[in-house]
Amino acid sequence: MANLNIQIPSLKLNDGNSIPLIGYGSKLATGWSQMLNHLKMGILSLQLTNMKAGTAWYKSDSGSSIDRKLVDAIKTAIKLGYYHLDGAEVYNTESELGVAIKESKVSREKLFITTKVSTNINDISNAIDTSLKKLQLDYVDLYLIHQPFFTSSDSDLQSAWAAMEKVKADGKAKSIGVSNYLLPHLTTTMKTATVTPSINQIEYHPYLQHGGSDGPLLNYMKEHNIANSAYAPLTAITKAKPGPLDGLYADLAKKYYVSEGEIALRWCVDQDVVSITTSGKEERLSDYLRTMTFTLTPKEINEISQIGEKKHYRGFWRNKFSENDRL
């Protein structure tokens, strides 16, 4: 385990607020539709699943008792210096986040808390109040619309964003953004927006680059100063293995005396991409901090990107895309 005292650097958002470039999150290991099917069948209670070389947490019942294992895992992350904590109402773990934040004794000003709305997307005003109550907070640093697939018309996207703007205006979120938005969702939202989304959190890794920096999605985000945040950034070294990057990742890990996980995270950080990762293991979280002890060369970043284009792998929302849709 790395014995490091390293501060994770931050990225300035388009509204002037800053977000740490690496966050500790709880992401579903199964696909969204699969999780919902499990819920309907009543077979999920409390589930720990392996994902992104880490541990993903999900509870099917928001009213169930506090899970101390998750609370302790979050407290461990905070202790190590992961002050960016990423959650969502649909995970039903906001209460655990709130308890961990309170028990950590770390001042609120040091923490960057994200949560997302999806289940109660039609009542965002009530959804943020419910989330804040569970988190035991007066505000979150970042509030996201979790996914755009709830819509049946352009007006659905636009009215949801108007509700998000009110959340920000009311001081309940310092920054607001979206997640899993494609180019049409962003352009539709921007037609009536008075506040530009600060961030778009998407599945992003070398095997899913959304057309690259010059592709339509990332280029639009760049033009409007919408930050890119990556979930599942370690996919190429976990569930997408074997792949064309295996040899290069191994060589770079040997060169920089780090793990392949740190190479994968550094590829994001060096492109100013906010990365969300997670683990229930203190040793692994500590080792991830070595990401801040080196930088990849521009040539190495480009090589990872170019080789990554040789394989396509999408881990989430597969039912929404054709098999070869890389955007």
C-alpha atoms as a PDB file:
ATOM      1  CA  MET A   1       0.000   0.000   0.000  1.00  0.00           C
ATOM      2  CA  ALA A   2       1.335   3.372  -0.987  1.00  0.00           C
ATOM      3  CA  ASN A   3       2.086   5.629   1.979  1.00  0.00           C
ATOM      4  CA  LEU A   4       1.244   8.931   0.350  1.00  0.00           C
ATOM      5  CA  ASN A   5       0.096  12.328   1.485  1.00  0.00           C
ATOM      6  CA  ILE A   6      -1.144  13.617  -1.832  1.00  0.00           C
ATOM      7  CA  GLN A   7      -3.797  16.184  -2.616  1.00  0.00           C
ATOM      8  CA  ILE A   8      -5.912  15.402  -5.652  1.00  0.00           C
ATOM      9  CA  PRO A   9      -5.844  18.407  -8.022  1.00  0.00           C
ATOM     10  CA  SER A  10      -9.010  20.122  -9.179  1.00  0.00           C
ATOM     11  CA  LEU A  11     -10.513  21.289 -12.461  1.00  0.00           C
ATOM     12  CA  LYS A  12     -12.279  24.641 -12.726  1.00  0.00           C
ATOM     13  CA  LEU A  13     -15.799  24.363 -14.111  1.00  0.00           C
ATOM     14  CA  ASN A  14     -17.555  26.864 -16.375  1.00  0.00           C
ATOM     15  CA  ASP A  15     -19.363  28.429 -13.387  1.00  0.00           C
ATOM     16  CA  GLY A  16     -16.121  29.133 -11.515  1.00  0.00           C
ATOM     17  CA  ASN A  17     -16.416  26.248  -9.061  1.00  0.00           C
ATOM     18  CA  SER A  18     -13.697  23.599  -8.892  1.00  0.00           C
ATOM     19  CA  ILE A  19     -14.062  19.811  -8.853  1.00  0.00           C
ATOM     20  CA  PRO A  20     -11.389  17.284  -7.764  1.00  0.00           C
ATOM     21  CA  LEU A  21     -10.183  15.297 -10.757  1.00  0.00           C
ATOM     22  CA  ILE A  22     -10.677  11.937  -9.043  1.00  0.00           C
ATOM     23  CA  GLY A  23     -13.804  11.037  -7.135  1.00  0.00           C
ATOM     24  CA  TYR A  24     -14.895   8.113  -4.997  1.00  0.00           C
ATOM     25  CA  GLY A  25     -18.148   6.744  -6.330  1.00  0.00           C
ATOM     26  CA  SER A  26     -20.700   3.993  -6.151  1.00  0.00           C
ATOM     27  CA  LYS A  27     -21.635   2.760  -9.590  1.00  0.00           C
ATOM     28  CA  LEU A  28     -23.853  -0.127 -10.547  1.00  0.00           C
ATOM     29  CA  ALA A  29     -21.965  -3.166 -11.752  1.00  0.00           C
ATOM     30  CA  THR A  30     -24.930  -4.463 -13.696  1.00  0.00           C
ATOM     31  CA  GLY A  31     -26.629  -2.582 -16.487  1.00  0.00           C
ATOM     32  CA  TRP A  32     -29.398  -0.167 -15.551  1.00  0.00           C
ATOM     33  CA  SER A  33     -32.137  -2.234 -17.213  1.00  0.00           C
ATOM     34  CA  GLN A  34     -30.871  -5.416 -15.575  1.00  0.00           C
ATOM     35  CA  MET A  35     -30.927  -3.733 -12.177  1.00  0.00           C
ATOM     36  CA  LEU A  36     -34.498  -2.563 -12.743  1.00  0.00           C
ATOM     37  CA  ASN A  37     -35.555  -6.073 -13.750  1.00  0.00           C
ATOM     38  CA  HIS A  38     -34.023  -7.408 -10.559  1.00  0.00           C
ATOM     39  CA  LEU A  39     -35.934  -4.829  -8.573  1.00  0.00           C
ATOM     40  CA  LYS A  40     -39.207  -5.802 -10.222  1.00  0.00           C
ATOM     41  CA  MET A  41     -38.553  -9.445  -9.425  1.00  0.00           C
ATOM     42  CA  GLY A  42     -37.767  -8.527  -5.833  1.00  0.00           C
ATOM     43  CA  ILE A  43     -34.472 -10.385  -5.805  1.00  0.00           C
ATOM     44  CA  LEU A  44     -32.253  -7.477  -4.770  1.00  0.00           C
ATOM     45  CA  SER A  45     -31.833  -6.505  -1.141  1.00  0.00           C
ATOM     46  CA  LEU A  46     -28.264  -5.422  -0.451  1.00  0.00           C
ATOM     47  CA  GLN A  47     -25.725  -6.274  -3.095  1.00  0.00           C
ATOM     48  CA  LEU A  48     -21.953  -5.926  -3.293  1.00  0.00           C
ATOM     49  CA  THR A  49     -20.575  -6.497  -6.768  1.00  0.00           C
ATOM     50  CA  ASN A  50     -17.134  -6.298  -8.304  1.00  0.00           C
ATOM     51  CA  MET A  51     -16.625  -3.488 -10.750  1.00  0.00           C
ATOM     52  CA  LYS A  52     -13.853  -1.275 -12.101  1.00  0.00           C
ATOM     53  CA  ALA A  53     -11.392  -3.260 -10.004  1.00  0.00           C
ATOM     54  CA  GLY A  54     -13.368  -2.050  -7.034  1.00  0.00           C
ATOM     55  CA  THR A  55     -16.559  -2.450  -5.087  1.00  0.00           C
ATOM     56  CA  ALA A  56     -19.893  -1.045  -6.211  1.00  0.00           C
ATOM     57  CA  TRP A  57     -22.648  -0.545  -3.686  1.00  0.00           C
ATOM     58  CA  TYR A  58     -26.359  -0.669  -4.285  1.00  0.00           C
ATOM     59  CA  LYS A  59     -29.390  -1.080  -2.022  1.00  0.00           C
ATOM     60  CA  SER A  60     -32.816  -1.885  -3.400  1.00  0.00           C
ATOM     61  CA  ASP A  61     -34.611  -0.445  -0.355  1.00  0.00           C
ATOM     62  CA  SER A  62     -33.919   3.130   0.673  1.00  0.00           C
ATOM     63  CA  GLY A  63     -35.709   2.519   3.964  1.00  0.00           C
ATOM     64  CA  SER A  64     -33.499  -0.354   5.062  1.00  0.00           C
ATOM     65  CA  SER A  65     -31.021   0.026   7.900  1.00  0.00           C
ATOM     66  CA  ILE A  66     -27.721   1.837   7.458  1.00  0.00           C
ATOM     67  CA  ASP A  67     -25.041  -0.407   5.981  1.00  0.00           C
ATOM     68  CA  ARG A  68     -21.972   0.055   8.141  1.00  0.00           C
ATOM     69  CA  LYS A  69     -19.637  -1.592   5.610  1.00  0.00           C
ATOM     70  CA  LEU A  70     -20.418   1.120   3.102  1.00  0.00           C
ATOM     71  CA  VAL A  71     -20.171   3.867   5.725  1.00  0.00           C
ATOM     72  CA  ASP A  72     -16.745   2.606   6.759  1.00  0.00           C
ATOM     73  CA  ALA A  73     -15.604   2.304   3.139  1.00  0.00           C
ATOM     74  CA  ILE A  74     -16.555   5.923   2.459  1.00  0.00           C
ATOM     75  CA  LYS A  75     -14.853   7.061   5.668  1.00  0.00           C
ATOM     76  CA  THR A  76     -11.702   5.239   4.585  1.00  0.00           C
ATOM     77  CA  ALA A  77     -11.782   7.018   1.236  1.00  0.00           C
ATOM     78  CA  ILE A  78     -12.203  10.381   2.955  1.00  0.00           C
ATOM     79  CA  LYS A  79      -9.359   9.587   5.351  1.00  0.00           C
ATOM     80  CA  LEU A  80      -7.072   8.917   2.385  1.00  0.00           C
ATOM     81  CA  GLY A  81      -7.968  12.252   0.810  1.00  0.00           C
ATOM     82  CA  TYR A  82     -10.810  11.404  -1.541  1.00  0.00           C
ATOM     83  CA  TYR A  83     -12.918  14.469  -0.802  1.00  0.00           C
ATOM     84  CA  HIS A  84     -14.928  14.181  -4.021  1.00  0.00           C
ATOM     85  CA  LEU A  85     -17.781  11.757  -3.237  1.00  0.00           C
ATOM     86  CA  ASP A  86     -20.125  10.723  -6.032  1.00  0.00           C
ATOM     87  CA  GLY A  87     -23.576   9.261  -5.330  1.00  0.00           C
ATOM     88  CA  ALA A  88     -27.086   9.042  -6.752  1.00  0.00           C
ATOM     89  CA  GLU A  89     -30.632   8.702  -5.481  1.00  0.00           C
ATOM     90  CA  VAL A  90     -31.181   5.493  -7.463  1.00  0.00           C
ATOM     91  CA  TYR A  91     -28.419   3.670  -5.537  1.00  0.00           C
ATOM     92  CA  ASN A  92     -30.340   4.196  -2.284  1.00  0.00           C
ATOM     93  CA  THR A  93     -27.066   4.854  -0.475  1.00  0.00           C
ATOM     94  CA  GLU A  94     -27.344   8.595   0.151  1.00  0.00           C
ATOM     95  CA  SER A  95     -28.085   7.911   3.821  1.00  0.00           C
ATOM     96  CA  GLU A  96     -24.792   6.029   4.145  1.00  0.00           C
ATOM     97  CA  LEU A  97     -23.003   8.899   2.443  1.00  0.00           C
ATOM     98  CA  GLY A  98     -24.553  11.305   4.910  1.00  0.00           C
ATOM     99  CA  VAL A  99     -23.535   9.258   7.932  1.00  0.00           C
ATOM    100  CA  ALA A 100     -19.985   8.831   6.618  1.00  0.00           C
ATOM    101  CA  ILE A 101     -19.629  12.546   5.934  1.00  0.00           C
ATOM    102  CA  LYS A 102     -20.821  13.384   9.435  1.00  0.00           C
ATOM    103  CA  GLU A 103     -18.635  10.798  11.145  1.00  0.00           C
ATOM    104  CA  SER A 104     -15.548  11.742   9.143  1.00  0.00           C
ATOM    105  CA  LYS A 105     -15.381  15.103  10.965  1.00  0.00           C
ATOM    106  CA  VAL A 106     -13.952  16.670   7.793  1.00  0.00           C
ATOM    107  CA  SER A 107     -15.202  20.219   7.306  1.00  0.00           C
ATOM    108  CA  ARG A 108     -17.958  20.614   4.736  1.00  0.00           C
ATOM    109  CA  GLU A 109     -15.903  23.163   2.815  1.00  0.00           C
ATOM    110  CA  LYS A 110     -13.249  20.536   2.025  1.00  0.00           C
ATOM    111  CA  LEU A 111     -15.718  18.054   0.571  1.00  0.00           C
ATOM    112  CA  PHE A 112     -17.189  17.952  -2.931  1.00  0.00           C
ATOM    113  CA  ILE A 113     -20.468  16.033  -2.903  1.00  0.00           C
ATOM    114  CA  THR A 114     -22.281  14.929  -6.044  1.00  0.00           C
ATOM    115  CA  THR A 115     -25.660  13.276  -6.313  1.00  0.00           C
ATOM    116  CA  LYS A 116     -27.998  12.603  -9.212  1.00  0.00           C
ATOM    117  CA  VAL A 117     -31.716  12.558  -9.927  1.00  0.00           C
ATOM    118  CA  SER A 118     -33.420   9.897 -12.005  1.00  0.00           C
ATOM    119  CA  THR A 119     -36.134   8.065 -10.083  1.00  0.00           C
ATOM    120  CA  ASN A 120     -37.909  11.327  -9.222  1.00  0.00           C
ATOM    121  CA  ILE A 121     -37.020  13.197 -12.396  1.00  0.00           C
ATOM    122  CA  ASN A 122     -40.581  14.501 -12.718  1.00  0.00           C
ATOM    123  CA  ASP A 123     -40.347  16.248  -9.352  1.00  0.00           C
ATOM    124  CA  ILE A 124     -36.804  17.593  -9.146  1.00  0.00           C
ATOM    125  CA  SER A 125     -37.701  20.157  -6.502  1.00  0.00           C
ATOM    126  CA  ASN A 126     -38.795  17.425  -4.101  1.00  0.00           C
ATOM    127  CA  ALA A 127     -36.020  15.075  -5.207  1.00  0.00           C
ATOM    128  CA  ILE A 128     -33.216  17.449  -4.205  1.00  0.00           C
ATOM    129  CA  ASP A 129     -34.845  18.103  -0.827  1.00  0.00           C
ATOM    130  CA  THR A 130     -35.114  14.358  -0.197  1.00  0.00           C
ATOM    131  CA  SER A 131     -31.484  13.811  -1.201  1.00  0.00           C
ATOM    132  CA  LEU A 132     -30.257  16.655   1.009  1.00  0.00           C
ATOM    133  CA  LYS A 133     -32.167  15.243   3.973  1.00  0.00           C
ATOM    134  CA  LYS A 134     -30.574  11.809   3.488  1.00  0.00           C
ATOM    135  CA  LEU A 135     -27.135  13.360   2.997  1.00  0.00           C
ATOM    136  CA  GLN A 136     -27.642  15.588   6.079  1.00  0.00           C
ATOM    137  CA  LEU A 137     -26.484  18.562   4.006  1.00  0.00           C
ATOM    138  CA  ASP A 138     -27.761  22.027   3.167  1.00  0.00           C
ATOM    139  CA  TYR A 139     -26.432  21.808  -0.388  1.00  0.00           C
ATOM    140  CA  VAL A 140     -24.547  19.566  -2.774  1.00  0.00           C
ATOM    141  CA  ASP A 141     -21.595  20.733  -4.814  1.00  0.00           C
ATOM    142  CA  LEU A 142     -22.873  19.093  -7.992  1.00  0.00           C
ATOM    143  CA  TYR A 143     -26.356  17.897  -8.935  1.00  0.00           C
ATOM    144  CA  LEU A 144     -26.816  15.879 -12.123  1.00  0.00           C
ATOM    145  CA  ILE A 145     -29.668  14.573 -14.218  1.00  0.00           C
ATOM    146  CA  HIS A 146     -28.616  10.918 -14.189  1.00  0.00           C
ATOM    147  CA  GLN A 147     -29.799   9.965 -17.665  1.00  0.00           C
ATOM    148  CA  PRO A 148     -31.772  11.482 -20.571  1.00  0.00           C
ATOM    149  CA  PHE A 149     -33.713   8.366 -21.544  1.00  0.00           C
ATOM    150  CA  PHE A 150     -36.765   9.311 -19.474  1.00  0.00           C
ATOM    151  CA  THR A 151     -37.897  11.731 -22.149  1.00  0.00           C
ATOM    152  CA  SER A 152     -40.613  11.405 -24.741  1.00  0.00           C
ATOM    153  CA  SER A 153     -40.135  14.891 -26.211  1.00  0.00           C
ATOM    154  CA  ASP A 154     -37.690  17.781 -26.350  1.00  0.00           C
ATOM    155  CA  SER A 155     -39.807  19.678 -23.854  1.00  0.00           C
ATOM    156  CA  ASP A 156     -39.207  16.947 -21.262  1.00  0.00           C
ATOM    157  CA  LEU A 157     -35.459  17.597 -21.408  1.00  0.00           C
ATOM    158  CA  GLN A 158     -35.923  21.340 -21.361  1.00  0.00           C
ATOM    159  CA  SER A 159     -38.371  21.446 -18.464  1.00  0.00           C
ATOM    160  CA  ALA A 160     -36.155  19.123 -16.425  1.00  0.00           C
ATOM    161  CA  TRP A 161     -33.205  21.435 -17.006  1.00  0.00           C
ATOM    162  CA  ALA A 162     -35.279  24.460 -16.020  1.00  0.00           C
ATOM    163  CA  ALA A 163     -36.008  22.690 -12.724  1.00  0.00           C
ATOM    164  CA  MET A 164     -32.276  22.063 -12.273  1.00  0.00           C
ATOM    165  CA  GLU A 165     -31.581  25.760 -12.834  1.00  0.00           C
ATOM    166  CA  LYS A 166     -34.004  26.558 -10.025  1.00  0.00           C
ATOM    167  CA  VAL A 167     -32.164  24.139  -7.732  1.00  0.00           C
ATOM    168  CA  LYS A 168     -28.979  26.096  -8.394  1.00  0.00           C
ATOM    169  CA  ALA A 169     -30.722  29.458  -7.993  1.00  0.00           C
ATOM    170  CA  ASP A 170     -32.126  28.308  -4.644  1.00  0.00           C
ATOM    171  CA  GLY A 171     -28.617  27.494  -3.394  1.00  0.00           C
ATOM    172  CA  LYS A 172     -29.257  23.776  -3.056  1.00  0.00           C
ATOM    173  CA  ALA A 173     -26.535  22.916  -5.586  1.00  0.00           C
ATOM    174  CA  LYS A 174     -23.446  24.957  -6.366  1.00  0.00           C
ATOM    175  CA  SER A 175     -23.113  23.428  -9.826  1.00  0.00           C
ATOM    176  CA  ILE A 176     -25.538  21.532 -12.030  1.00  0.00           C
ATOM    177  CA  GLY A 177     -24.925  19.149 -14.889  1.00  0.00           C
ATOM    178  CA  VAL A 178     -26.002  16.045 -16.724  1.00  0.00           C
ATOM    179  CA  SER A 179     -24.959  12.429 -17.154  1.00  0.00           C
ATOM    180  CA  ASN A 180     -25.113  10.043 -20.107  1.00  0.00           C
ATOM    181  CA  TYR A 181     -26.152  12.882 -22.428  1.00  0.00           C
ATOM    182  CA  LEU A 182     -25.436  12.509 -26.119  1.00  0.00           C
ATOM    183  CA  LEU A 183     -25.093  15.408 -28.548  1.00  0.00           C
ATOM    184  CA  PRO A 184     -28.840  15.654 -29.359  1.00  0.00           C
ATOM    185  CA  HIS A 185     -29.685  15.788 -25.653  1.00  0.00           C
ATOM    186  CA  LEU A 186     -27.185  18.586 -25.058  1.00  0.00           C
ATOM    187  CA  THR A 187     -28.222  20.676 -28.056  1.00  0.00           C
ATOM    188  CA  THR A 188     -31.897  20.324 -27.146  1.00  0.00           C
ATOM    189  CA  THR A 189     -31.214  21.343 -23.562  1.00  0.00           C
ATOM    190  CA  MET A 190     -29.135  24.329 -24.608  1.00  0.00           C
ATOM    191  CA  LYS A 191     -31.907  25.764 -26.806  1.00  0.00           C
ATOM    192  CA  THR A 192     -33.768  27.005 -23.717  1.00  0.00           C
ATOM    193  CA  ALA A 193     -31.067  26.880 -21.030  1.00  0.00           C
ATOM    194  CA  THR A 194     -30.097  30.007 -19.132  1.00  0.00           C
ATOM    195  CA  VAL A 195     -27.334  28.088 -17.317  1.00  0.00           C
ATOM    196  CA  THR A 196     -24.947  25.885 -19.271  1.00  0.00           C
ATOM    197  CA  PRO A 197     -24.409  22.425 -17.755  1.00  0.00           C
ATOM    198  CA  SER A 198     -21.111  22.380 -15.895  1.00  0.00           C
ATOM    199  CA  ILE A 199     -20.336  18.752 -16.621  1.00  0.00           C
ATOM    200  CA  ASN A 200     -21.473  15.670 -18.526  1.00  0.00           C
ATOM    201  CA  GLN A 201     -20.651  12.415 -16.741  1.00  0.00           C
ATOM    202  CA  ILE A 202     -20.359   9.631 -19.322  1.00  0.00           C
ATOM    203  CA  GLU A 203     -18.862   6.195 -19.715  1.00  0.00           C
ATOM    204  CA  TYR A 204     -15.415   7.081 -21.003  1.00  0.00           C
ATOM    205  CA  HIS A 205     -12.298   4.972 -21.494  1.00  0.00           C
ATOM    206  CA  PRO A 206     -10.001   4.096 -24.420  1.00  0.00           C
ATOM    207  CA  TYR A 207     -12.497   1.565 -25.801  1.00  0.00           C
ATOM    208  CA  LEU A 208     -15.330   4.123 -25.715  1.00  0.00           C
ATOM    209  CA  GLN A 209     -13.989   7.562 -26.654  1.00  0.00           C
ATOM    210  CA  HIS A 210     -17.198   8.890 -28.240  1.00  0.00           C
ATOM    211  CA  GLY A 211     -15.427   9.762 -31.465  1.00  0.00           C
ATOM    212  CA  GLY A 212     -12.431  11.265 -29.693  1.00  0.00           C
ATOM    213  CA  SER A 213     -11.645  14.893 -28.918  1.00  0.00           C
ATOM    214  CA  ASP A 214     -12.663  15.919 -32.443  1.00  0.00           C
ATOM    215  CA  GLY A 215     -15.852  13.864 -32.387  1.00  0.00           C
ATOM    216  CA  PRO A 216     -19.232  15.647 -32.315  1.00  0.00           C
ATOM    217  CA  LEU A 217     -20.015  15.062 -28.622  1.00  0.00           C
ATOM    218  CA  LEU A 218     -16.681  15.977 -27.049  1.00  0.00           C
ATOM    219  CA  ASN A 219     -16.129  18.809 -29.510  1.00  0.00           C
ATOM    220  CA  TYR A 220     -19.506  20.331 -28.589  1.00  0.00           C
ATOM    221  CA  MET A 221     -18.685  19.989 -24.909  1.00  0.00           C
ATOM    222  CA  LYS A 222     -15.353  21.702 -25.491  1.00  0.00           C
ATOM    223  CA  GLU A 223     -16.992  24.557 -27.401  1.00  0.00           C
ATOM    224  CA  HIS A 224     -19.412  25.179 -24.514  1.00  0.00           C
ATOM    225  CA  ASN A 225     -16.850  24.539 -21.768  1.00  0.00           C
ATOM    226  CA  ILE A 226     -18.800  21.546 -20.446  1.00  0.00           C
ATOM    227  CA  ALA A 227     -16.379  19.351 -18.511  1.00  0.00           C
ATOM    228  CA  ASN A 228     -16.082  15.647 -19.242  1.00  0.00           C
ATOM    229  CA  SER A 229     -16.403  13.264 -16.299  1.00  0.00           C
ATOM    230  CA  ALA A 230     -15.674   9.573 -16.787  1.00  0.00           C
ATOM    231  CA  TYR A 231     -17.367   6.706 -15.047  1.00  0.00           C
ATOM    232  CA  ALA A 232     -15.921   3.219 -15.582  1.00  0.00           C
ATOM    233  CA  PRO A 233     -12.501   4.700 -16.506  1.00  0.00           C
ATOM    234  CA  LEU A 234     -10.766   1.393 -15.684  1.00  0.00           C
ATOM    235  CA  THR A 235     -12.838  -0.693 -18.090  1.00  0.00           C
ATOM    236  CA  ALA A 236      -9.934  -1.420 -20.444  1.00  0.00           C
ATOM    237  CA  ILE A 237      -8.007  -3.174 -17.663  1.00  0.00           C
ATOM    238  CA  THR A 238     -10.984  -4.954 -16.107  1.00  0.00           C
ATOM    239  CA  LYS A 239     -14.072  -6.259 -17.867  1.00  0.00           C
ATOM    240  CA  ALA A 240     -12.906  -5.344 -21.393  1.00  0.00           C
ATOM    241  CA  LYS A 241      -9.791  -7.521 -21.115  1.00  0.00           C
ATOM    242  CA  PRO A 242      -8.212  -8.990 -23.149  1.00  0.00           C
ATOM    243  CA  GLY A 243      -7.710  -6.136 -25.566  1.00  0.00           C
ATOM    244  CA  PRO A 244      -5.209  -4.378 -27.807  1.00  0.00           C
ATOM    245  CA  LEU A 245      -4.044  -2.102 -24.971  1.00  0.00           C
ATOM    246  CA  ASP A 246      -2.937  -4.898 -22.657  1.00  0.00           C
ATOM    247  CA  GLY A 247       0.711  -4.783 -23.721  1.00  0.00           C
ATOM    248  CA  LEU A 248       1.026  -0.996 -23.670  1.00  0.00           C
ATOM    249  CA  TYR A 249      -0.610  -0.691 -20.259  1.00  0.00           C
ATOM    250  CA  ALA A 250       1.770  -3.315 -18.878  1.00  0.00           C
ATOM    251  CA  ASP A 251       4.805  -1.533 -20.356  1.00  0.00           C
ATOM    252  CA  LEU A 252       3.742   1.870 -19.012  1.00  0.00           C
ATOM    253  CA  ALA A 253       2.987   0.457 -15.566  1.00  0.00           C
ATOM    254  CA  LYS A 254       6.488  -0.996 -15.469  1.00  0.00           C
ATOM    255  CA  LYS A 255       8.023   2.274 -16.690  1.00  0.00           C
ATOM    256  CA  TYR A 256       6.322   4.422 -14.032  1.00  0.00           C
ATOM    257  CA  TYR A 257       6.389   1.821 -11.212  1.00  0.00           C
ATOM    258  CA  VAL A 258       2.613   1.905 -10.804  1.00  0.00           C
ATOM    259  CA  SER A 259      -0.305  -0.393 -11.568  1.00  0.00           C
ATOM    260  CA  GLU A 260      -2.232  -0.502 -14.823  1.00  0.00           C
ATOM    261  CA  GLY A 261      -5.114   1.103 -12.924  1.00  0.00           C
ATOM    262  CA  GLU A 262      -3.050   4.216 -12.292  1.00  0.00           C
ATOM    263  CA  ILE A 263      -2.097   4.354 -15.986  1.00  0.00           C
ATOM    264  CA  ALA A 264      -5.787   4.210 -16.922  1.00  0.00           C
ATOM    265  CA  LEU A 265      -6.656   6.992 -14.464  1.00  0.00           C
ATOM    266  CA  ARG A 266      -3.696   9.120 -15.564  1.00  0.00           C
ATOM    267  CA  TRP A 267      -4.817   8.908 -19.197  1.00  0.00           C
ATOM    268  CA  CYS A 268      -8.020  10.638 -18.059  1.00  0.00           C
ATOM    269  CA  VAL A 269      -6.388  13.133 -15.694  1.00  0.00           C
ATOM    270  CA  ASP A 270      -3.877  14.233 -18.331  1.00  0.00           C
ATOM    271  CA  GLN A 271      -6.835  15.128 -20.557  1.00  0.00           C
ATOM    272  CA  ASP A 272      -8.601  17.076 -17.772  1.00  0.00           C
ATOM    273  CA  VAL A 273     -11.251  14.375 -17.528  1.00  0.00           C
ATOM    274  CA  VAL A 274     -12.755  13.988 -14.045  1.00  0.00           C
ATOM    275  CA  SER A 275     -12.616  10.288 -13.144  1.00  0.00           C
ATOM    276  CA  ILE A 276     -14.950   8.411 -10.815  1.00  0.00           C
ATOM    277  CA  THR A 277     -13.630   5.162  -9.404  1.00  0.00           C
ATOM    278  CA  THR A 278     -14.268   3.088  -6.313  1.00  0.00           C
ATOM    279  CA  SER A 279     -13.070   0.251  -4.135  1.00  0.00           C
ATOM    280  CA  GLY A 280     -13.833  -1.192  -0.734  1.00  0.00           C
ATOM    281  CA  LYS A 281     -10.123  -1.922  -0.266  1.00  0.00           C
ATOM    282  CA  GLU A 282      -8.002   0.696   1.472  1.00  0.00           C
ATOM    283  CA  GLU A 283      -4.812  -0.581  -0.177  1.00  0.00           C
ATOM    284  CA  ARG A 284      -6.218  -0.158  -3.661  1.00  0.00           C
ATOM    285  CA  LEU A 285      -7.554   3.334  -2.949  1.00  0.00           C
ATOM    286  CA  SER A 286      -4.211   4.320  -1.473  1.00  0.00           C
ATOM    287  CA  ASP A 287      -2.385   3.002  -4.529  1.00  0.00           C
ATOM    288  CA  TYR A 288      -4.656   4.957  -6.867  1.00  0.00           C
ATOM    289  CA  LEU A 289      -3.216   8.128  -5.336  1.00  0.00           C
ATOM    290  CA  ARG A 290       0.045   7.313  -7.114  1.00  0.00           C
ATOM    291  CA  THR A 291      -1.779   8.581 -10.203  1.00  0.00           C
ATOM    292  CA  MET A 292      -0.709  12.030  -9.026  1.00  0.00           C
ATOM    293  CA  THR A 293       2.998  11.188  -8.875  1.00  0.00           C
ATOM    294  CA  PHE A 294       3.665  11.064 -12.622  1.00  0.00           C
ATOM    295  CA  THR A 295       2.365  12.278 -15.968  1.00  0.00           C
ATOM    296  CA  LEU A 296       2.102  10.499 -19.291  1.00  0.00           C
ATOM    297  CA  THR A 297       3.848  12.073 -22.256  1.00  0.00           C
ATOM    298  CA  PRO A 298       1.699  13.468 -25.073  1.00  0.00           C
ATOM    299  CA  LYS A 299       2.951  10.620 -27.240  1.00  0.00           C
ATOM    300  CA  GLU A 300       1.828   8.039 -24.683  1.00  0.00           C
ATOM    301  CA  ILE A 301      -1.594   9.653 -24.311  1.00  0.00           C
ATOM    302  CA  ASN A 302      -2.068   9.612 -28.089  1.00  0.00           C
ATOM    303  CA  GLU A 303      -0.825   6.042 -28.361  1.00  0.00           C
ATOM    304  CA  ILE A 304      -3.356   4.849 -25.779  1.00  0.00           C
ATOM    305  CA  SER A 305      -6.098   6.722 -27.625  1.00  0.00           C
ATOM    306  CA  GLN A 306      -5.136   5.394 -31.041  1.00  0.00           C
ATOM    307  CA  ILE A 307      -4.750   1.776 -29.945  1.00  0.00           C
ATOM    308  CA  GLY A 308      -7.965   2.044 -27.946  1.00  0.00           C
ATOM    309  CA  GLU A 309      -9.859   2.828 -31.147  1.00  0.00           C
ATOM    310  CA  LYS A 310      -9.091  -0.707 -32.360  1.00  0.00           C
ATOM    311  CA  LYS A 311     -11.659  -2.117 -29.947  1.00  0.00           C
ATOM    312  CA  HIS A 312     -15.179  -1.016 -29.051  1.00  0.00           C
ATOM    313  CA  TYR A 313     -16.626  -1.882 -25.659  1.00  0.00           C
ATOM    314  CA  ARG A 314     -19.648  -0.310 -23.993  1.00  0.00           C
ATOM    315  CA  GLY A 315     -20.382  -1.519 -20.474  1.00  0.00           C
ATOM    316  CA  PHE A 316     -23.579   0.418 -19.781  1.00  0.00           C
ATOM    317  CA  TRP A 317     -26.859   1.294 -21.506  1.00  0.00           C
ATOM    318  CA  ARG A 318     -26.274  -1.302 -24.206  1.00  0.00           C
ATOM    319  CA  ASN A 319     -30.017  -1.546 -24.841  1.00  0.00           C
ATOM    320  CA  LYS A 320     -29.971   2.093 -25.983  1.00  0.00           C
ATOM    321  CA  PHE A 321     -27.288   1.707 -28.656  1.00  0.00           C
ATOM    322  CA  SER A 322     -26.512  -0.423 -31.659  1.00  0.00           C
ATOM    323  CA  GLU A 323     -23.660  -2.845 -31.169  1.00  0.00           C
ATOM    324  CA  ASN A 324     -21.116  -0.756 -33.082  1.00  0.00           C
ATOM    325  CA  ASP A 325     -22.262   2.709 -31.998  1.00  0.00           C
ATOM    326  CA  ARG A 326     -19.099   4.418 -30.748  1.00  0.00           C
ATOM    327  CA  LEU A 327     -20.614   7.863 -30.164  1.00  0.00           C
END
